C-alpha atoms as a PDB file:
ATOM      1  CA  LYS A   1      65.684 168.597  14.310  1.00  0.00           C
ATOM      2  CA  LYS A   2      62.817 166.121  14.785  1.00  0.00           C
ATOM      3  CA  GLU A   3      65.156 163.461  15.989  1.00  0.00           C
ATOM      4  CA  ARG A   4      66.732 165.845  18.475  1.00  0.00           C
ATOM      5  CA  ARG A   5      63.286 166.861  19.790  1.00  0.00           C
ATOM      6  CA  GLU A   6      62.279 163.223  20.211  1.00  0.00           C
ATOM      7  CA  LYS A   7      65.575 162.521  22.037  1.00  0.00           C
ATOM      8  CA  ASN A   8      65.058 165.461  24.395  1.00  0.00           C
ATOM      9  CA  LEU A   9      61.474 164.437  25.017  1.00  0.00           C
ATOM     10  CA  ALA A  10      62.567 160.893  25.855  1.00  0.00           C
ATOM     11  CA  LYS A  11      65.173 162.200  28.234  1.00  0.00           C
ATOM     12  CA  LYS A  12      62.680 164.406  29.943  1.00  0.00           C
ATOM     13  CA  GLN A  13      60.261 161.546  30.334  1.00  0.00           C
ATOM     14  CA  SER A  14      62.969 159.335  31.910  1.00  0.00           C
ATOM     15  CA  ARG A  15      63.543 162.076  34.449  1.00  0.00           C
ATOM     16  CA  SER A  16      59.911 162.484  35.477  1.00  0.00           C
ATOM     17  CA  ASN A  17      59.874 159.621  38.003  1.00  0.00           C
ATOM     18  CA  ARG A  18      63.164 160.535  39.694  1.00  0.00           C
ATOM     19  CA  TRP A  19      62.993 162.197  43.130  1.00  0.00           C
ATOM     20  CA  ILE A  20      65.442 164.920  43.881  1.00  0.00           C
ATOM     21  CA  VAL A  21      65.969 166.613  47.236  1.00  0.00           C
ATOM     22  CA  LEU A  22      67.278 170.201  46.985  1.00  0.00           C
ATOM     23  CA  VAL A  23      68.674 171.826  50.119  1.00  0.00           C
ATOM     24  CA  ASP A  24      69.583 175.525  50.197  1.00  0.00           C
ATOM     25  CA  ASP A  25      68.801 178.261  52.769  1.00  0.00           C
ATOM     26  CA  ASP A  26      68.419 180.807  49.953  1.00  0.00           C
ATOM     27  CA  GLU A  27      64.737 180.898  48.991  1.00  0.00           C
ATOM     28  CA  GLU A  28      65.481 182.394  45.536  1.00  0.00           C
ATOM     29  CA  ILE A  29      67.945 179.638  44.669  1.00  0.00           C
ATOM     30  CA  ARG A  30      65.467 176.949  45.808  1.00  0.00           C
ATOM     31  CA  ARG A  31      62.745 178.462  43.700  1.00  0.00           C
ATOM     32  CA  SER A  32      64.836 179.124  40.584  1.00  0.00           C
ATOM     33  CA  LEU A  33      66.793 175.914  40.606  1.00  0.00           C
ATOM     34  CA  GLY A  34      63.711 173.843  41.457  1.00  0.00           C
ATOM     35  CA  GLN A  35      61.849 175.452  38.531  1.00  0.00           C
ATOM     36  CA  TYR A  36      64.759 174.804  36.226  1.00  0.00           C
ATOM     37  CA  LEU A  37      64.865 171.096  37.140  1.00  0.00           C
ATOM     38  CA  PHE A  38      61.113 170.874  36.716  1.00  0.00           C
ATOM     39  CA  ASP A  39      61.339 172.448  33.266  1.00  0.00           C
ATOM     40  CA  GLN A  40      64.006 169.834  32.310  1.00  0.00           C
ATOM     41  CA  GLY A  41      61.720 166.977  33.309  1.00  0.00           C
ATOM     42  CA  TYR A  42      62.517 166.397  37.027  1.00  0.00           C
ATOM     43  CA  HIS A  43      58.951 166.802  38.209  1.00  0.00           C
ATOM     44  CA  GLN A  44      59.595 165.369  41.674  1.00  0.00           C
ATOM     45  CA  VAL A  45      61.720 167.967  43.410  1.00  0.00           C
ATOM     46  CA  THR A  46      61.523 168.592  47.236  1.00  0.00           C
ATOM     47  CA  ALA A  47      63.098 171.895  48.243  1.00  0.00           C
ATOM     48  CA  CYS A  48      64.286 172.192  51.856  1.00  0.00           C
ATOM     49  CA  PRO A  49      65.496 175.346  53.627  1.00  0.00           C
ATOM     50  CA  ASN A  50      67.866 173.574  55.961  1.00  0.00           C
ATOM     51  CA  ALA A  51      69.672 170.206  56.630  1.00  0.00           C
ATOM     52  CA  GLU A  52      67.336 169.253  59.540  1.00  0.00           C
ATOM     53  CA  VAL A  53      64.219 169.456  57.272  1.00  0.00           C
ATOM     54  CA  ALA A  54      65.982 167.638  54.461  1.00  0.00           C
ATOM     55  CA  LEU A  55      67.188 164.804  56.716  1.00  0.00           C
ATOM     56  CA  ASN A  56      63.668 164.376  58.053  1.00  0.00           C
ATOM     57  CA  VAL A  57      62.282 164.199  54.501  1.00  0.00           C
ATOM     58  CA  CYS A  58      64.878 161.600  53.463  1.00  0.00           C
ATOM     59  CA  GLU A  59      64.414 159.509  56.574  1.00  0.00           C
ATOM     60  CA  GLU A  60      60.653 159.593  56.264  1.00  0.00           C
ATOM     61  CA  GLY A  61      61.161 158.545  52.671  1.00  0.00           C
ATOM     62  CA  ARG A  62      57.656 159.320  51.407  1.00  0.00           C
ATOM     63  CA  TYR A  63      56.784 160.929  48.109  1.00  0.00           C
ATOM     64  CA  ASN A  64      53.335 160.805  46.547  1.00  0.00           C
ATOM     65  CA  ASN A  65      52.215 158.572  49.364  1.00  0.00           C
ATOM     66  CA  GLN A  66      54.748 155.935  48.463  1.00  0.00           C
ATOM     67  CA  TYR A  67      57.703 154.856  50.631  1.00  0.00           C
ATOM     68  CA  GLN A  68      60.998 155.452  48.750  1.00  0.00           C
ATOM     69  CA  VAL A  69      64.326 157.199  49.133  1.00  0.00           C
ATOM     70  CA  PRO A  70      65.514 160.163  46.967  1.00  0.00           C
ATOM     71  CA  ASP A  71      67.323 159.294  43.761  1.00  0.00           C
ATOM     72  CA  LEU A  72      69.714 162.194  44.440  1.00  0.00           C
ATOM     73  CA  ILE A  73      70.434 165.023  46.738  1.00  0.00           C
ATOM     74  CA  VAL A  74      71.729 168.483  45.864  1.00  0.00           C
ATOM     75  CA  SER A  75      72.842 170.512  48.873  1.00  0.00           C
ATOM     76  CA  ASP A  76      74.620 173.738  49.538  1.00  0.00           C
ATOM     77  CA  ILE A  77      77.428 173.563  52.090  1.00  0.00           C
ATOM     78  CA  ARG A  78      76.661 176.736  53.914  1.00  0.00           C
ATOM     79  CA  LEU A  79      73.216 176.187  55.450  1.00  0.00           C
ATOM     80  CA  GLY A  80      71.302 177.800  58.305  1.00  0.00           C
ATOM     81  CA  GLY A  81      70.427 175.734  61.393  1.00  0.00           C
ATOM     82  CA  ASP A  82      72.544 173.352  63.416  1.00  0.00           C
ATOM     83  CA  MET A  83      73.968 171.347  60.505  1.00  0.00           C
ATOM     84  CA  ASP A  84      75.913 172.580  57.474  1.00  0.00           C
ATOM     85  CA  GLY A  85      76.117 170.618  54.272  1.00  0.00           C
ATOM     86  CA  ILE A  86      79.080 168.508  55.376  1.00  0.00           C
ATOM     87  CA  ALA A  87      77.393 167.482  58.613  1.00  0.00           C
ATOM     88  CA  PHE A  88      74.192 166.705  56.724  1.00  0.00           C
ATOM     89  CA  LEU A  89      76.156 164.534  54.260  1.00  0.00           C
ATOM     90  CA  ARG A  90      77.747 162.643  57.096  1.00  0.00           C
ATOM     91  CA  SER A  91      74.351 161.992  58.524  1.00  0.00           C
ATOM     92  CA  ILE A  92      73.167 160.610  55.197  1.00  0.00           C
ATOM     93  CA  ARG A  93      76.123 158.288  54.915  1.00  0.00           C
ATOM     94  CA  ARG A  94      75.500 156.947  58.414  1.00  0.00           C
ATOM     95  CA  GLU A  95      71.880 155.990  57.632  1.00  0.00           C
ATOM     96  CA  LYS A  96      71.546 152.411  56.272  1.00  0.00           C
ATOM     97  CA  ARG A  97      68.800 153.136  53.733  1.00  0.00           C
ATOM     98  CA  LEU A  98      70.251 156.515  52.680  1.00  0.00           C
ATOM     99  CA  GLN A  99      73.981 155.924  52.512  1.00  0.00           C
ATOM    100  CA  GLY A 100      74.067 155.008  48.828  1.00  0.00           C
ATOM    101  CA  ILE A 101      72.212 158.020  47.586  1.00  0.00           C
ATOM    102  CA  PRO A 102      74.330 160.257  45.210  1.00  0.00           C
ATOM    103  CA  VAL A 103      75.018 163.698  46.831  1.00  0.00           C
ATOM    104  CA  ILE A 104      76.090 166.759  44.941  1.00  0.00           C
ATOM    105  CA  LEU A 105      77.515 169.652  47.067  1.00  0.00           C
ATOM    106  CA  LEU A 106      77.216 173.288  45.990  1.00  0.00           C
ATOM    107  CA  THR A 107      79.534 175.876  47.492  1.00  0.00           C
ATOM    108  CA  ALA A 108      81.280 179.137  47.010  1.00  0.00           C
ATOM    109  CA  LYS A 109      84.448 177.593  48.438  1.00  0.00           C
ATOM    110  CA  ILE A 110      87.003 176.570  45.797  1.00  0.00           C
ATOM    111  CA  GLU A 111      89.997 175.643  47.865  1.00  0.00           C
ATOM    112  CA  THR A 112      91.342 172.047  47.511  1.00  0.00           C
ATOM    113  CA  LYS A 113      91.178 171.384  51.246  1.00  0.00           C
ATOM    114  CA  ASP A 114      87.463 172.321  51.302  1.00  0.00           C
ATOM    115  CA  ARG A 115      86.752 169.966  48.342  1.00  0.00           C
ATOM    116  CA  ILE A 116      88.717 167.179  50.080  1.00  0.00           C
ATOM    117  CA  LYS A 117      86.606 167.743  53.222  1.00  0.00           C
ATOM    118  CA  GLY A 118      83.480 167.267  51.119  1.00  0.00           C
ATOM    119  CA  TYR A 119      84.794 164.149  49.414  1.00  0.00           C
ATOM    120  CA  ARG A 120      85.870 162.648  52.690  1.00  0.00           C
ATOM    121  CA  ALA A 121      82.340 163.074  53.972  1.00  0.00           C
ATOM    122  CA  GLY A 122      81.131 161.056  50.991  1.00  0.00           C
ATOM    123  CA  ALA A 123      80.253 163.587  48.294  1.00  0.00           C
ATOM    124  CA  ASP A 124      79.868 162.270  44.735  1.00  0.00           C
ATOM    125  CA  ALA A 125      80.357 165.570  43.049  1.00  0.00           C
ATOM    126  CA  TYR A 126      81.428 169.174  43.924  1.00  0.00           C
ATOM    127  CA  LEU A 127      80.204 172.213  42.062  1.00  0.00           C
ATOM    128  CA  ALA A 128      81.335 175.761  42.822  1.00  0.00           C
ATOM    129  CA  LYS A 129      79.003 178.680  42.728  1.00  0.00           C
ATOM    130  CA  PRO A 130      78.156 180.371  40.428  1.00  0.00           C
ATOM    131  CA  PHE A 131      77.646 177.415  38.195  1.00  0.00           C
ATOM    132  CA  ASP A 132      76.008 176.776  34.742  1.00  0.00           C
ATOM    133  CA  PRO A 133      72.633 175.061  35.304  1.00  0.00           C
ATOM    134  CA  GLU A 134      73.288 172.786  32.350  1.00  0.00           C
ATOM    135  CA  GLU A 135      76.515 171.526  33.993  1.00  0.00           C
ATOM    136  CA  LEU A 136      74.578 170.661  37.183  1.00  0.00           C
ATOM    137  CA  LEU A 137      71.883 168.961  35.043  1.00  0.00           C
ATOM    138  CA  SER A 138      74.515 166.801  33.378  1.00  0.00           C
ATOM    139  CA  ILE A 139      76.035 165.819  36.712  1.00  0.00           C
ATOM    140  CA  ILE A 140      72.550 164.921  38.059  1.00  0.00           C
ATOM    141  CA  ASP A 141      71.770 162.816  35.051  1.00  0.00           C
ATOM    142  CA  ASN A 142      75.095 160.915  35.084  1.00  0.00           C
ATOM    143  CA  SER A 143      74.989 160.413  38.859  1.00  0.00           C
ATOM    144  CA  ILE A 144      71.526 158.961  38.792  1.00  0.00           C
ATOM    145  CA  ARG A 145      72.279 156.803  35.779  1.00  0.00           C
ATOM    146  CA  ARG A 146      75.422 155.348  37.489  1.00  0.00           C
ATOM    147  CA  PHE A 147      73.575 154.820  40.712  1.00  0.00           C
ATOM    148  CA  LYS A 148      70.696 153.007  39.045  1.00  0.00           C
ATOM    149  CA  THR A 149      73.198 150.929  36.962  1.00  0.00           C
ATOM    150  CA  VAL A 150      75.067 149.867  40.105  1.00  0.00           C
ATOM    151  CA  THR A 151      71.845 149.124  41.903  1.00  0.00           C
ATOM    152  CA  LEU A 152      70.571 146.908  39.071  1.00  0.00           C
ATOM    153  CA  GLN A 153      73.880 145.084  38.979  1.00  0.00           C
ATOM    154  CA  SER A 154      74.441 144.713  42.705  1.00  0.00           C
ATOM    155  CA  GLY A 155      70.851 144.850  44.018  1.00  0.00           C
ATOM    156  CA  ASP A 156      69.392 147.125  46.580  1.00  0.00           C
ATOM    157  CA  PRO A 157      72.262 148.547  48.635  1.00  0.00           C
ATOM    158  CA  GLY A 158      70.195 148.019  51.773  1.00  0.00           C
ATOM    159  CA  ASP A 159      69.290 144.422  50.980  1.00  0.00           C
ATOM    160  CA  ASP A 160      71.505 141.846  52.632  1.00  0.00           C
ATOM    161  CA  ASP A 161      70.609 139.104  50.176  1.00  0.00           C
ATOM    162  CA  SER A 162      70.854 141.274  47.036  1.00  0.00           C
ATOM    163  CA  LEU A 163      74.041 139.906  45.517  1.00  0.00           C
ATOM    164  CA  LEU A 164      73.738 136.803  43.353  1.00  0.00           C
ATOM    165  CA  VAL A 165      75.940 134.006  44.581  1.00  0.00           C
ATOM    166  CA  GLU A 166      76.869 132.702  41.105  1.00  0.00           C
ATOM    167  CA  THR A 167      77.917 136.126  39.911  1.00  0.00           C
ATOM    168  CA  MET A 168      80.028 136.694  43.032  1.00  0.00           C
ATOM    169  CA  GLU A 169      81.746 133.279  42.638  1.00  0.00           C
ATOM    170  CA  GLN A 170      82.558 133.958  38.983  1.00  0.00           C
ATOM    171  CA  GLU A 171      84.001 137.394  39.762  1.00  0.00           C
ATOM    172  CA  LEU A 172      86.069 136.007  42.618  1.00  0.00           C
ATOM    173  CA  LYS A 173      87.500 133.341  40.301  1.00  0.00           C
ATOM    174  CA  GLU A 174      88.496 136.080  37.858  1.00  0.00           C
ATOM    175  CA  ILE A 175      89.940 138.189  40.731  1.00  0.00           C
ATOM    176  CA  LYS A 176      92.069 135.287  41.995  1.00  0.00           C
ATOM    177  CA  SER A 177      93.227 134.528  38.482  1.00  0.00           C
ATOM    178  CA  LEU A 178      94.354 138.171  38.115  1.00  0.00           C
ATOM    179  CA  LEU A 179      96.168 138.112  41.408  1.00  0.00           C
ATOM    180  CA  ILE A 180      98.094 135.030  40.412  1.00  0.00           C
ATOM    181  CA  GLY A 181      99.266 136.832  37.250  1.00  0.00           C
ATOM    182  CA  LYS A 182     100.139 140.049  38.928  1.00  0.00           C
ATOM    183  CA  ASP A 183     103.517 141.728  38.933  1.00  0.00           C
ATOM    184  CA  GLY A 184     104.975 144.767  40.718  1.00  0.00           C
ATOM    185  CA  ASN A 185     103.848 146.905  37.803  1.00  0.00           C
ATOM    186  CA  GLY A 186     100.269 145.886  37.532  1.00  0.00           C
ATOM    187  CA  LEU A 187      98.002 143.038  36.308  1.00  0.00           C
ATOM    188  CA  LEU A 188      98.346 140.852  33.223  1.00  0.00           C
ATOM    189  CA  ASP A 189      95.308 140.900  30.976  1.00  0.00           C
ATOM    190  CA  HIS A 190      94.709 139.698  27.486  1.00  0.00           C
ATOM    191  CA  HIS A 191      96.616 142.650  25.993  1.00  0.00           C
ATOM    192  CA  GLY A 192      99.543 142.874  28.324  1.00  0.00           C
ATOM    193  CA  TRP A 193     100.313 144.738  31.527  1.00  0.00           C
ATOM    194  CA  ILE A 194      97.725 147.254  32.654  1.00  0.00           C
ATOM    195  CA  SER A 195      98.770 150.861  33.372  1.00  0.00           C
ATOM    196  CA  THR A 196      96.889 153.952  34.403  1.00  0.00           C
ATOM    197  CA  THR A 197      96.401 154.833  30.734  1.00  0.00           C
ATOM    198  CA  ASN A 198      93.889 151.990  30.541  1.00  0.00           C
ATOM    199  CA  TYR A 199      91.528 154.131  32.671  1.00  0.00           C
ATOM    200  CA  PRO A 200      91.638 157.651  31.153  1.00  0.00           C
ATOM    201  CA  GLU A 201      88.299 158.576  32.750  1.00  0.00           C
ATOM    202  CA  THR A 202      89.299 157.720  36.322  1.00  0.00           C
ATOM    203  CA  GLY A 203      93.059 157.404  36.383  1.00  0.00           C
ATOM    204  CA  GLY A 204      94.360 157.922  39.866  1.00  0.00           C
ATOM    205  CA  ASN A 205      92.183 160.922  40.554  1.00  0.00           C
ATOM    206  CA  VAL A 206      89.327 159.233  42.321  1.00  0.00           C
ATOM    207  CA  PHE A 207      89.179 160.221  45.944  1.00  0.00           C
ATOM    208  CA  LEU A 208      88.332 157.427  48.350  1.00  0.00           C
ATOM    209  CA  THR A 209      87.314 157.614  51.984  1.00  0.00           C
ATOM    210  CA  PRO A 210      89.124 155.451  54.484  1.00  0.00           C
ATOM    211  CA  ASP A 211      86.170 153.027  54.585  1.00  0.00           C
ATOM    212  CA  GLU A 212      86.014 152.852  50.776  1.00  0.00           C
ATOM    213  CA  ARG A 213      89.718 152.193  50.609  1.00  0.00           C
ATOM    214  CA  ARG A 214      89.485 149.388  53.217  1.00  0.00           C
ATOM    215  CA  VAL A 215      86.649 147.749  51.257  1.00  0.00           C
ATOM    216  CA  LEU A 216      88.696 147.996  48.020  1.00  0.00           C
ATOM    217  CA  GLU A 217      91.670 146.374  49.660  1.00  0.00           C
ATOM    218  CA  HIS A 218      89.491 143.485  50.908  1.00  0.00           C
ATOM    219  CA  ILE A 219      87.998 143.108  47.433  1.00  0.00           C
ATOM    220  CA  CYS A 220      91.482 142.934  46.047  1.00  0.00           C
ATOM    221  CA  ASP A 221      92.215 140.155  48.561  1.00  0.00           C
ATOM    222  CA  GLY A 222      89.436 138.198  46.861  1.00  0.00           C
ATOM    223  CA  LEU A 223      86.938 138.467  49.772  1.00  0.00           C
ATOM    224  CA  THR A 224      83.201 138.326  49.508  1.00  0.00           C
ATOM    225  CA  ASN A 225      80.847 140.789  51.275  1.00  0.00           C
ATOM    226  CA  ASP A 226      80.146 138.075  53.886  1.00  0.00           C
ATOM    227  CA  GLN A 227      83.878 137.893  54.652  1.00  0.00           C
ATOM    228  CA  ILE A 228      84.396 141.652  54.610  1.00  0.00           C
ATOM    229  CA  TYR A 229      81.892 143.021  56.968  1.00  0.00           C
ATOM    230  CA  PRO A 230      83.136 141.234  60.125  1.00  0.00           C
ATOM    231  CA  LEU A 231      86.576 142.518  59.401  1.00  0.00           C
ATOM    232  CA  MET A 232      85.246 146.095  59.244  1.00  0.00           C
ATOM    233  CA  ALA A 233      82.956 145.682  62.257  1.00  0.00           C
ATOM    234  CA  CYS A 234      79.971 146.989  60.302  1.00  0.00           C
ATOM    235  CA  SER A 235      76.806 145.603  58.701  1.00  0.00           C
ATOM    236  CA  LYS A 236      76.823 143.677  55.488  1.00  0.00           C
ATOM    237  CA  SER A 237      74.499 146.297  53.971  1.00  0.00           C
ATOM    238  CA  ARG A 238      77.113 148.947  54.755  1.00  0.00           C
ATOM    239  CA  VAL A 239      79.712 146.964  52.755  1.00  0.00           C
ATOM    240  CA  VAL A 240      77.278 146.506  49.870  1.00  0.00           C
ATOM    241  CA  ALA A 241      76.632 150.355  49.879  1.00  0.00           C
ATOM    242  CA  LEU A 242      80.448 151.015  49.913  1.00  0.00           C
ATOM    243  CA  VAL A 243      80.980 148.629  46.986  1.00  0.00           C
ATOM    244  CA  SER A 244      78.190 150.506  45.065  1.00  0.00           C
ATOM    245  CA  ILE A 245      79.858 153.834  45.841  1.00  0.00           C
ATOM    246  CA  LEU A 246      83.255 152.484  44.565  1.00  0.00           C
ATOM    247  CA  LEU A 247      81.576 151.363  41.333  1.00  0.00           C
ATOM    248  CA  ARG A 248      79.849 154.613  40.925  1.00  0.00           C
ATOM    249  CA  LYS A 249      82.966 156.741  41.638  1.00  0.00           C
ATOM    250  CA  THR A 250      85.143 154.777  39.279  1.00  0.00           C
ATOM    251  CA  THR A 251      82.384 154.319  36.630  1.00  0.00           C
ATOM    252  CA  LEU A 252      83.371 150.566  36.566  1.00  0.00           C
ATOM    253  CA  LYS A 253      80.895 147.680  36.255  1.00  0.00           C
ATOM    254  CA  ASN A 254      82.033 144.904  38.639  1.00  0.00           C
ATOM    255  CA  ARG A 255      84.515 143.867  41.262  1.00  0.00           C
ATOM    256  CA  THR A 256      86.943 142.351  38.805  1.00  0.00           C
ATOM    257  CA  GLN A 257      87.306 145.668  37.078  1.00  0.00           C
ATOM    258  CA  LEU A 258      87.734 147.289  40.466  1.00  0.00           C
ATOM    259  CA  VAL A 259      90.727 145.065  41.202  1.00  0.00           C
ATOM    260  CA  ARG A 260      92.307 145.813  37.817  1.00  0.00           C
ATOM    261  CA  TRP A 261      91.761 149.549  38.359  1.00  0.00           C
ATOM    262  CA  ALA A 262      93.002 149.597  41.937  1.00  0.00           C
ATOM    263  CA  ILE A 263      96.307 147.874  41.212  1.00  0.00           C
ATOM    264  CA  ALA A 264      96.904 149.695  37.889  1.00  0.00           C
ATOM    265  CA  THR A 265      96.420 153.092  39.467  1.00  0.00           C
ATOM    266  CA  GLY A 266      98.248 152.342  42.710  1.00  0.00           C
ATOM    267  CA  GLN A 267      95.179 152.597  44.908  1.00  0.00           C
ATOM    268  CA  VAL A 268      96.252 149.411  46.645  1.00  0.00           C
ATOM    269  CA  ASP A 269      99.596 147.664  47.079  1.00  0.00           C
ATOM    270  CA  ILE A 270      99.195 143.937  46.830  1.00  0.00           C
END
C-alpha cells in the first residue's frame, strides 16, 4: 500500500506542471471535470466556454506569466458560438505553434462517420459521452507522455533546426537498407518478413489524414524533412509537426520504425 501511495503521489507531481485547456459550453461539466483533473494532480487547467475563447487562450500562450503552449486540449464537439469542436480543431492544426498539441474530442455522437470526421480534422483521441473520468485521465496521461517523448526525440515541432543531422542520416541509411531488402509482402528484418502481427497495438487501424499519409509516403521514399516540405508546398515546421503526429499516433519511436510499420500494415505501397 505504501508503494502504491508513493507511486500515485509521484504521478500527481508529474502532472502538476502540465497545462490543459478544457473547452465545453456546459458550465457544470467545466466545473466538475476541471475539479476532477485538479484533484488528480493537473493543477494548471484553463476552462473555456467556447472555441473562440479557447483559441485566443492557446494563441496567446500565456500561463502563470510565462509564454508556453498547452500540453493538451480536451474539447467537446458541440459548442456554442461560431465554431464547433471540429472547426476549433482545424484552427489549431493550422497554427504553426499549436499544430502538434494533442487534442481529445468529447461527444455524444458515436457514429463511425462522425469519428472519422474528427480524426480527419486531426483529433488524437475520441471519447463518447457519458465517459468514465478515469478513462479520460488515462488517455490524457498517455497522450501527453507520447507527445513529450516525441518532442524530446525530434525537438520542438515549431523549431526548423530541431532535428539532429547525424540522427537523421543514420535513420535514412537504415530506411534505404530496408527498402533494398523489401518484397511485395513486407520488409526483411533480423527475424524474417514483417507482418501486421508485429504491431499488435497499432495494426492497420491508425487513421491518417491526407497530409499525414503524404509525409509518410515521402519518409518511406527515404526523404529528409528538407526534401519533403518543398514537395508538399508547406513550411518545414509543418512537416516536423506531421512527423511528430505520426509517431504519436503509431506509438513508434523513429522514422525507421515508421517505414517498417507503413509497409507491413499496407499504409503505403512501395
